[in-house]
């Protein structure tokens, strides 16, 4: 094989590699954007869940007082009937 044909063959192979690299780079960029979007959506969802859990925990904290008020009111109502 002569030098010129080897150079042409090498240029062709380099061109194929560059094309593959460009394709993979584009695919990786798209995946990266998707991951960033997912991360943002997941962060928002976790924040929403955290807020809901906080409200639920506050409700649980208030539950004993609310039940105590209900029981007191019922005892008072029963006492007033007697």
Protein backbone atom coordinates (compact mmCIF):
# COMPACT_ATOMS: atom_id res chain seq x y z
CA UNK A 1 0.00 0.00 0.00
CA UNK A 2 1.38 3.37 -0.87
CA UNK A 3 1.59 6.33 1.50
CA UNK A 4 -1.16 8.34 -0.20
CA UNK A 5 -3.71 5.54 0.08
CA UNK A 6 -2.75 5.02 3.74
CA UNK A 7 -3.25 8.74 4.38
CA UNK A 8 -6.68 8.61 2.66
CA UNK A 9 -7.61 5.54 4.71
CA UNK A 10 -6.51 7.22 7.94
CA UNK A 11 -8.44 10.40 7.06
CA UNK A 12 -11.54 8.30 6.35
CA UNK A 13 -11.20 6.46 9.67
CA UNK A 14 -10.61 9.71 11.58
CA UNK A 15 -13.69 11.18 9.89
CA UNK A 16 -15.76 8.19 11.01
CA UNK A 17 -14.48 8.57 14.56
CA UNK A 18 -15.25 12.29 14.55
CA UNK A 19 -18.77 11.58 13.29
CA UNK A 20 -19.33 8.98 15.99
CA UNK A 21 -17.91 11.35 18.61
CA UNK A 22 -20.23 14.14 17.44
CA UNK A 23 -23.24 11.81 17.55
CA UNK A 24 -22.40 10.57 21.05
CA UNK A 25 -21.74 14.12 22.25
CA UNK A 26 -25.21 15.16 21.07
CA UNK A 27 -26.81 12.15 22.73
CA UNK A 28 -24.95 12.80 25.97
CA UNK A 29 -25.98 16.47 25.91
CA UNK A 30 -29.64 15.44 25.53
CA UNK A 31 -29.36 12.94 28.38
CA UNK A 32 -27.68 15.55 30.56
CA UNK A 33 -30.49 18.04 29.91
CA UNK A 34 -33.06 15.36 30.74
CA UNK A 35 -31.27 14.51 33.98
CA UNK A 36 -31.14 18.18 34.97
CA UNK A 37 -34.87 18.52 34.26
CA UNK A 38 -35.60 15.38 36.27
CA UNK A 39 -33.46 16.66 39.13
CA UNK A 40 -35.37 19.93 39.20
CA UNK A 41 -38.74 18.14 39.09
CA UNK A 42 -37.67 15.69 41.79
CA UNK A 43 -36.41 18.51 44.02
CA UNK A 44 -39.76 20.28 43.70
CA UNK A 45 -41.66 17.06 44.46
CA UNK A 46 -39.51 16.38 47.52
CA UNK A 47 -40.05 19.95 48.71
CA UNK A 48 -43.81 19.52 48.30
CA UNK A 49 -43.74 16.23 50.24
CA UNK A 50 -41.62 17.85 52.95
CA UNK A 51 -44.14 20.70 53.27
CA UNK A 52 -47.06 18.26 53.43
CA UNK A 53 -45.27 16.18 56.06
CA UNK A 54 -44.65 19.32 58.11
CA UNK A 55 -48.35 20.18 58.02
CA UNK A 56 -49.22 16.59 58.95
CA UNK A 57 -46.78 16.62 61.86
CA UNK A 58 -48.22 19.92 63.11
CA UNK A 59 -51.68 18.38 62.90
CA UNK A 60 -50.49 15.39 64.89
CA UNK A 61 -48.99 17.73 67.49
CA UNK A 62 -52.33 19.53 67.80
CA UNK A 63 -54.38 16.32 67.94
CA UNK A 64 -53.95 15.59 71.69
CA UNK A 65 -55.08 19.12 72.59
CA UNK A 66 -58.05 18.88 70.25
CA UNK A 67 -59.05 15.51 71.68
CA UNK A 68 -58.67 16.83 75.23
CA UNK A 69 -60.97 19.77 74.38
CA UNK A 70 -63.55 17.40 72.91
CA UNK A 71 -63.44 15.13 75.97
CA UNK A 72 -63.67 18.13 78.35
CA UNK A 73 -66.61 19.51 76.41
CA UNK A 74 -68.36 16.14 76.53
CA UNK A 75 -67.78 15.80 80.30
CA UNK A 76 -69.04 19.35 80.80
CA UNK A 77 -72.12 18.57 78.73
CA UNK A 78 -72.79 15.41 80.73
CA UNK A 79 -72.24 17.24 84.03
CA UNK A 80 -74.68 19.96 83.04
CA UNK A 81 -77.37 17.33 82.30
CA UNK A 82 -77.13 15.87 85.80
